[in-house]
Amino acid sequence: MRTIWLSLLFSSALAAFSGQSLAGETRARQILDRFEHANQWRDHVMVAAHRAGSMQAGKTLYAENSIAAVEGSIAMGAEIVEVDIRRSKDGEFVVMHDSWLDRTTTCKGEVVKRTLAELKTCKLVVEGTGAVTGETVSTLREMLKATRDRILINLDNKLEVGDLPGMIAVARDLGMAEQVIVKENLWNQDRITMVKAAMAAIGDGFEFMPIIADDAVRDAGFARTVGHTFSPRAIELINWRAGAETLTETGGPLFSMRMRAAAVRGNWHIWADTYAIANKPGGFLAGGRGDELAVQASLPREVWGFWADRGATIIQTDEPKAAIVWLTANGFRVPYANEARPAEPANTASIN
């Protein structure tokens, strides 16, 4: 009996010490620990804010891909922000989703045909309201600085695989490479070989996340091959929804028991997407179970709960605040050291 009590006492002391250690780490380091150790955190669903978290609440809160949106996502407790990277005419990496400026700024024309100085005259616009903000197009360097030690940043490369080394070079210059996640689509062995060569040329010190979609891949065996090749900490899985088909009941071929077993063996997160795509059916990347169903139809369990039940431990969403509140209230989130409970949104009743 004495041995058992001593063992329990030691375990408690170790847990307390670990908690103190984590409390002294940066927020980004705590998030990275969970990202790097998927099997230790299967009871926690991380939230990635799509386009920096600007799309929530009917696209009325922030301009997309803005530093203001990043600040909002950090404040609400998101673990990852996703931003889109393009180049200016003079070769600078800038943060912009579209190849044209018309939709999201006060300027017109193609991003690549303007110098950085010209892009800095373009004010970002809140799409849902048309409000012009005081913020201009950000460079990758500026966006990275805004996230330092606070959150992980997922760079969605709107250029070519060959542009990734330059992006990572910017992050390395700032001493921030470990906070960066880059991703590429994989669909066959030739593509695996090409991307592997590109990653090897860049070196290590950052996170690479493969993307697999079920229009080309329908077997968990491919994910195992990808896992053996890249040893990723997460794989983004897409369940396409075409036309007006009914909601998926299973998550499609990639969200199978075999895939979940492969994720556990490989110690990687299953990353699901619930964000909307313009002019596409609701839940286009999620078998119909997207943010529209969660928020507009007030059925969050059929979206965030559905994907969590099918093994997703990272969900990328246009509605990070609503997702975090619902996931927390329903036992899918484990607090971080010194973390305050996220504030309830004004329309709490509609997401329960």
Foldseek 3Di string as FASTA:
>chain_A
DVVVVVVVVVVVVVVVVVLVVQLPAFQLVLLLVCLQQVLVQLLAAAEEEEQLLQCPPPLAPDQGVFLVSVVVCLQQPHAEYEWEWDAALVGFIWTDDDQFDPQFWPDTDGRNDHHPVRQQVTFTARNRVRDTDPGTIGTLLVSQVSPPSRHAYEYEYPDDLVCVLVSLVSCVVVVRQQSYEYEDEDQDDVRLVVNLVSDVVSPDDHAYEYEYEPVRDQALVVVLVSCVSRLGQEYEYFDADADDDDADPQQHRCLDPSNLVSCNVSSHAYEYEQEDDPPGAHSRRGRNQHPCCQQVVLCVCSHLVVVSVSGHNYYYHSHSNLSLLVCVVVSSHDDGNPDDRRDQDPPNVSRD
